[in-house]
Amino acid sequence: PPGQPSRPQHRKAAMSARTVIVCTAANEAQADAYRKEMDARRALGSLPPRCSLILSVADPCGARIGSGGGTLNALVAVAEEFEASMQESRAAGGSREAWW
């Protein structure tokens, strides 16, 4: 309306849905066991066929950081995987879609 400040217009980015599975683990041995389990489930076809990323992330330095800390650590790991994928895509001339 006239005389009122205008609101910024936000555009929604075109995105496609992705499936990411992340298991948090108290230590590296547990993370390895989770990785083996996820590999077996993928081989059996019991995971989503278009799963973009499957990670098992251990608490850093073997310290038990709790479920909240483990979740934050897992989100950092996903962000790092995303960044690495984007860098690979850029290095290839941007012609390949990143997993994200």
N, C-alpha and C. Protein backbone atom coordinates (compact mmCIF):
# COMPACT_ATOMS: atom_id res chain seq x y z
N PRO A 1 0.82 -1.19 0.00
CA PRO A 1 0.00 0.00 0.00
C PRO A 1 0.86 1.25 0.00
N PRO A 2 0.37 2.33 -0.58
CA PRO A 2 1.15 3.57 -0.62
C PRO A 2 1.43 4.09 0.79
N GLY A 3 2.62 4.64 0.97
CA GLY A 3 3.02 5.22 2.23
C GLY A 3 3.58 4.23 3.24
N GLN A 4 3.53 2.95 2.94
CA GLN A 4 4.09 1.95 3.84
C GLN A 4 5.37 1.37 3.25
N PRO A 5 6.34 1.06 4.11
CA PRO A 5 7.58 0.49 3.58
C PRO A 5 7.31 -0.85 2.91
N SER A 6 8.02 -1.09 1.84
CA SER A 6 7.82 -2.35 1.14
C SER A 6 8.63 -3.46 1.81
N ARG A 7 8.10 -4.63 1.75
CA ARG A 7 8.79 -5.79 2.30
C ARG A 7 9.70 -6.38 1.23
N PRO A 8 10.84 -6.90 1.64
CA PRO A 8 11.70 -7.54 0.65
C PRO A 8 11.02 -8.79 0.09
N GLN A 9 11.18 -9.00 -1.17
CA GLN A 9 10.62 -10.17 -1.82
C GLN A 9 11.64 -11.30 -1.75
N HIS A 10 11.23 -12.43 -1.24
CA HIS A 10 12.11 -13.58 -1.14
C HIS A 10 11.75 -14.58 -2.23
N ARG A 11 12.77 -15.05 -2.90
CA ARG A 11 12.55 -16.09 -3.90
C ARG A 11 12.94 -17.43 -3.31
N LYS A 12 12.13 -18.40 -3.55
CA LYS A 12 12.46 -19.74 -3.09
C LYS A 12 13.43 -20.37 -4.09
N ALA A 13 14.50 -20.92 -3.55
CA ALA A 13 15.47 -21.59 -4.41
C ALA A 13 14.87 -22.90 -4.91
N ALA A 14 15.15 -23.21 -6.16
CA ALA A 14 14.70 -24.48 -6.71
C ALA A 14 15.54 -25.59 -6.08
N MET A 15 14.90 -26.46 -5.36
CA MET A 15 15.62 -27.53 -4.69
C MET A 15 14.87 -28.83 -4.92
N SER A 16 15.62 -29.89 -4.97
CA SER A 16 14.99 -31.20 -5.02
C SER A 16 15.25 -31.89 -3.69
N ALA A 17 14.35 -32.76 -3.32
CA ALA A 17 14.47 -33.45 -2.03
C ALA A 17 15.64 -34.42 -2.06
N ARG A 18 16.32 -34.50 -0.97
CA ARG A 18 17.43 -35.43 -0.80
C ARG A 18 17.22 -36.19 0.50
N THR A 19 17.71 -37.40 0.53
CA THR A 19 17.65 -38.19 1.75
C THR A 19 19.06 -38.36 2.28
N VAL A 20 19.24 -37.98 3.53
CA VAL A 20 20.53 -38.10 4.20
C VAL A 20 20.30 -38.89 5.49
N ILE A 21 21.09 -39.91 5.70
CA ILE A 21 21.01 -40.70 6.93
C ILE A 21 22.32 -40.51 7.68
N VAL A 22 22.21 -40.09 8.94
CA VAL A 22 23.39 -39.89 9.77
C VAL A 22 23.17 -40.61 11.10
N CYS A 23 24.08 -41.50 11.43
CA CYS A 23 24.07 -42.19 12.73
C CYS A 23 25.14 -41.55 13.60
N THR A 24 24.78 -41.24 14.82
CA THR A 24 25.77 -40.71 15.76
C THR A 24 26.23 -41.85 16.66
N ALA A 25 27.52 -41.85 16.98
CA ALA A 25 28.12 -42.92 17.77
C ALA A 25 28.99 -42.34 18.87
N ALA A 26 29.10 -43.07 19.96
CA ALA A 26 29.90 -42.62 21.10
C ALA A 26 31.39 -42.71 20.82
N ASN A 27 31.79 -43.65 19.94
CA ASN A 27 33.22 -43.82 19.65
C ASN A 27 33.39 -44.38 18.24
N GLU A 28 34.62 -44.46 17.79
CA GLU A 28 34.90 -44.89 16.42
C GLU A 28 34.52 -46.35 16.17
N ALA A 29 34.71 -47.21 17.18
CA ALA A 29 34.33 -48.62 17.02
C ALA A 29 32.83 -48.75 16.78
N GLN A 30 32.05 -48.00 17.51
CA GLN A 30 30.60 -48.02 17.33
C GLN A 30 30.24 -47.44 15.96
N ALA A 31 30.91 -46.38 15.55
CA ALA A 31 30.66 -45.78 14.23
C ALA A 31 30.96 -46.78 13.12
N ASP A 32 32.06 -47.54 13.26
CA ASP A 32 32.39 -48.57 12.27
C ASP A 32 31.31 -49.64 12.19
N ALA A 33 30.79 -50.05 13.34
CA ALA A 33 29.71 -51.04 13.36
C ALA A 33 28.47 -50.50 12.65
N TYR A 34 28.15 -49.24 12.88
CA TYR A 34 27.01 -48.62 12.20
C TYR A 34 27.24 -48.56 10.69
N ARG A 35 28.47 -48.23 10.28
CA ARG A 35 28.77 -48.18 8.84
C ARG A 35 28.55 -49.54 8.19
N LYS A 36 29.03 -50.59 8.86
CA LYS A 36 28.85 -51.95 8.32
C LYS A 36 27.37 -52.30 8.23
N GLU A 37 26.61 -51.93 9.24
CA GLU A 37 25.17 -52.19 9.22
C GLU A 37 24.49 -51.43 8.07
N MET A 38 24.85 -50.18 7.87
CA MET A 38 24.25 -49.40 6.78
C MET A 38 24.65 -49.95 5.42
N ASP A 39 25.91 -50.40 5.29
CA ASP A 39 26.35 -51.03 4.03
C ASP A 39 25.52 -52.28 3.74
N ALA A 40 25.30 -53.10 4.78
CA ALA A 40 24.52 -54.32 4.61
C ALA A 40 23.08 -53.98 4.23
N ARG A 41 22.51 -52.99 4.88
CA ARG A 41 21.12 -52.61 4.56
C ARG A 41 21.01 -52.04 3.15
N ARG A 42 22.01 -51.29 2.74
CA ARG A 42 21.99 -50.76 1.38
C ARG A 42 22.07 -51.90 0.37
N ALA A 43 22.95 -52.88 0.63
CA ALA A 43 23.10 -54.03 -0.27
C ALA A 43 21.80 -54.83 -0.38
N LEU A 44 21.04 -54.90 0.70
CA LEU A 44 19.77 -55.62 0.71
C LEU A 44 18.63 -54.80 0.10
N GLY A 45 18.89 -53.52 -0.15
CA GLY A 45 17.87 -52.67 -0.72
C GLY A 45 16.87 -52.15 0.29
N SER A 46 17.22 -52.19 1.57
CA SER A 46 16.27 -51.74 2.59
C SER A 46 16.43 -50.26 2.96
N LEU A 47 17.31 -49.56 2.28
CA LEU A 47 17.44 -48.12 2.45
C LEU A 47 16.84 -47.43 1.24
N PRO A 48 16.47 -46.16 1.38
CA PRO A 48 15.90 -45.45 0.22
C PRO A 48 16.86 -45.52 -0.97
N PRO A 49 16.37 -45.88 -2.15
CA PRO A 49 17.25 -46.06 -3.31
C PRO A 49 17.96 -44.78 -3.74
N ARG A 50 17.38 -43.64 -3.47
CA ARG A 50 18.00 -42.38 -3.88
C ARG A 50 18.63 -41.66 -2.70
N CYS A 51 19.10 -42.44 -1.73
CA CYS A 51 19.73 -41.85 -0.55
C CYS A 51 21.01 -41.14 -0.99
N SER A 52 21.09 -39.86 -0.72
CA SER A 52 22.20 -39.04 -1.18
C SER A 52 23.47 -39.26 -0.37
N LEU A 53 23.30 -39.52 0.91
CA LEU A 53 24.46 -39.59 1.79
C LEU A 53 24.13 -40.43 3.01
N ILE A 54 25.05 -41.32 3.36
CA ILE A 54 24.94 -42.10 4.58
C ILE A 54 26.23 -41.92 5.35
N LEU A 55 26.12 -41.42 6.57
CA LEU A 55 27.30 -41.18 7.41
C LEU A 55 27.10 -41.81 8.78
N SER A 56 28.19 -42.21 9.38
CA SER A 56 28.21 -42.58 10.78
C SER A 56 29.30 -41.75 11.42
N VAL A 57 28.94 -40.94 12.39
CA VAL A 57 29.85 -39.95 12.95
C VAL A 57 30.09 -40.24 14.43
N ALA A 58 31.36 -40.46 14.77
CA ALA A 58 31.74 -40.70 16.17
C ALA A 58 31.93 -39.38 16.90
N ASP A 59 31.69 -39.40 18.19
CA ASP A 59 31.99 -38.23 19.01
C ASP A 59 33.48 -37.91 18.86
N PRO A 60 33.84 -36.64 18.79
CA PRO A 60 35.24 -36.26 18.55
C PRO A 60 36.16 -36.66 19.71
N CYS A 61 37.34 -37.11 19.36
CA CYS A 61 38.40 -37.44 20.32
C CYS A 61 37.97 -38.49 21.34
N GLY A 62 36.99 -39.29 21.01
CA GLY A 62 36.54 -40.33 21.92
C GLY A 62 35.81 -39.82 23.15
N ALA A 63 35.56 -38.53 23.21
CA ALA A 63 34.86 -37.94 24.36
C ALA A 63 33.36 -38.09 24.15
N ARG A 64 32.65 -38.55 25.15
CA ARG A 64 31.20 -38.68 25.04
C ARG A 64 30.58 -37.31 25.24
N ILE A 65 30.01 -36.78 24.17
CA ILE A 65 29.52 -35.40 24.22
C ILE A 65 28.01 -35.29 24.36
N GLY A 66 27.33 -36.42 24.49
CA GLY A 66 25.89 -36.40 24.68
C GLY A 66 25.12 -36.30 23.37
N SER A 67 23.82 -36.51 23.45
CA SER A 67 23.02 -36.56 22.23
C SER A 67 22.95 -35.20 21.53
N GLY A 68 22.88 -34.11 22.29
CA GLY A 68 22.85 -32.79 21.66
C GLY A 68 24.16 -32.48 20.97
N GLY A 69 25.26 -32.75 21.65
CA GLY A 69 26.58 -32.53 21.05
C GLY A 69 26.82 -33.45 19.87
N GLY A 70 26.35 -34.70 19.98
CA GLY A 70 26.49 -35.64 18.88
C GLY A 70 25.71 -35.19 17.66
N THR A 71 24.52 -34.63 17.88
CA THR A 71 23.71 -34.12 16.77
C THR A 71 24.40 -32.94 16.10
N LEU A 72 24.92 -32.03 16.89
CA LEU A 72 25.64 -30.88 16.31
C LEU A 72 26.87 -31.35 15.54
N ASN A 73 27.60 -32.31 16.10
CA ASN A 73 28.77 -32.85 15.42
C ASN A 73 28.37 -33.51 14.10
N ALA A 74 27.24 -34.21 14.09
CA ALA A 74 26.75 -34.84 12.86
C ALA A 74 26.38 -33.79 11.82
N LEU A 75 25.76 -32.70 12.24
CA LEU A 75 25.41 -31.63 11.30
C LEU A 75 26.66 -31.00 10.69
N VAL A 76 27.70 -30.86 11.50
CA VAL A 76 28.98 -30.34 10.98
C VAL A 76 29.53 -31.30 9.93
N ALA A 77 29.47 -32.60 10.19
CA ALA A 77 29.97 -33.59 9.24
C ALA A 77 29.19 -33.53 7.92
N VAL A 78 27.88 -33.38 7.99
CA VAL A 78 27.07 -33.26 6.77
C VAL A 78 27.45 -31.99 6.01
N ALA A 79 27.63 -30.89 6.72
CA ALA A 79 28.02 -29.63 6.07
C ALA A 79 29.38 -29.78 5.39
N GLU A 80 30.31 -30.48 6.02
CA GLU A 80 31.63 -30.69 5.42
C GLU A 80 31.52 -31.54 4.16
N GLU A 81 30.68 -32.58 4.19
CA GLU A 81 30.46 -33.41 3.00
C GLU A 81 29.83 -32.59 1.88
N PHE A 82 28.87 -31.75 2.23
CA PHE A 82 28.22 -30.88 1.25
C PHE A 82 29.24 -29.95 0.60
N GLU A 83 30.09 -29.32 1.42
CA GLU A 83 31.10 -28.39 0.90
C GLU A 83 32.08 -29.12 -0.01
N ALA A 84 32.52 -30.30 0.38
CA ALA A 84 33.45 -31.07 -0.46
C ALA A 84 32.80 -31.43 -1.79
N SER A 85 31.52 -31.79 -1.75
CA SER A 85 30.80 -32.13 -2.97
C SER A 85 30.67 -30.91 -3.89
N MET A 86 30.39 -29.76 -3.30
CA MET A 86 30.28 -28.53 -4.10
C MET A 86 31.62 -28.17 -4.73
N GLN A 87 32.71 -28.34 -3.99
CA GLN A 87 34.03 -28.04 -4.54
C GLN A 87 34.36 -28.97 -5.70
N GLU A 88 34.01 -30.25 -5.57
CA GLU A 88 34.24 -31.19 -6.66
C GLU A 88 33.42 -30.79 -7.89
N SER A 89 32.19 -30.37 -7.66
CA SER A 89 31.33 -29.95 -8.76
C SER A 89 31.90 -28.73 -9.47
N ARG A 90 32.38 -27.77 -8.67
CA ARG A 90 32.97 -26.56 -9.27
C ARG A 90 34.25 -26.89 -10.04
N ALA A 91 35.06 -27.79 -9.49
CA ALA A 91 36.31 -28.17 -10.15
C ALA A 91 36.04 -28.86 -11.49
N ALA A 92 34.87 -29.49 -11.59
CA ALA A 92 34.50 -30.17 -12.83
C ALA A 92 33.78 -29.22 -13.79
N GLY A 93 33.84 -27.94 -13.50
CA GLY A 93 33.20 -26.97 -14.38
C GLY A 93 31.74 -26.74 -14.06
N GLY A 94 31.30 -27.27 -12.94
CA GLY A 94 29.92 -27.06 -12.53
C GLY A 94 28.91 -27.84 -13.34
N SER A 95 29.40 -28.77 -14.18
CA SER A 95 28.48 -29.51 -15.03
C SER A 95 27.83 -30.69 -14.30
N ARG A 96 28.43 -31.12 -13.20
CA ARG A 96 27.85 -32.24 -12.45
C ARG A 96 27.10 -31.69 -11.25
N GLU A 97 25.98 -32.31 -10.97
CA GLU A 97 25.21 -31.90 -9.80
C GLU A 97 25.86 -32.49 -8.55
N ALA A 98 25.98 -31.68 -7.53
CA ALA A 98 26.50 -32.17 -6.26
C ALA A 98 25.45 -33.09 -5.63
N TRP A 99 25.86 -33.93 -4.71
CA TRP A 99 24.92 -34.86 -4.09
C TRP A 99 23.80 -34.14 -3.40
N TRP A 100 24.04 -32.95 -2.96
CA TRP A 100 23.03 -32.20 -2.23
C TRP A 100 21.94 -31.81 -3.16
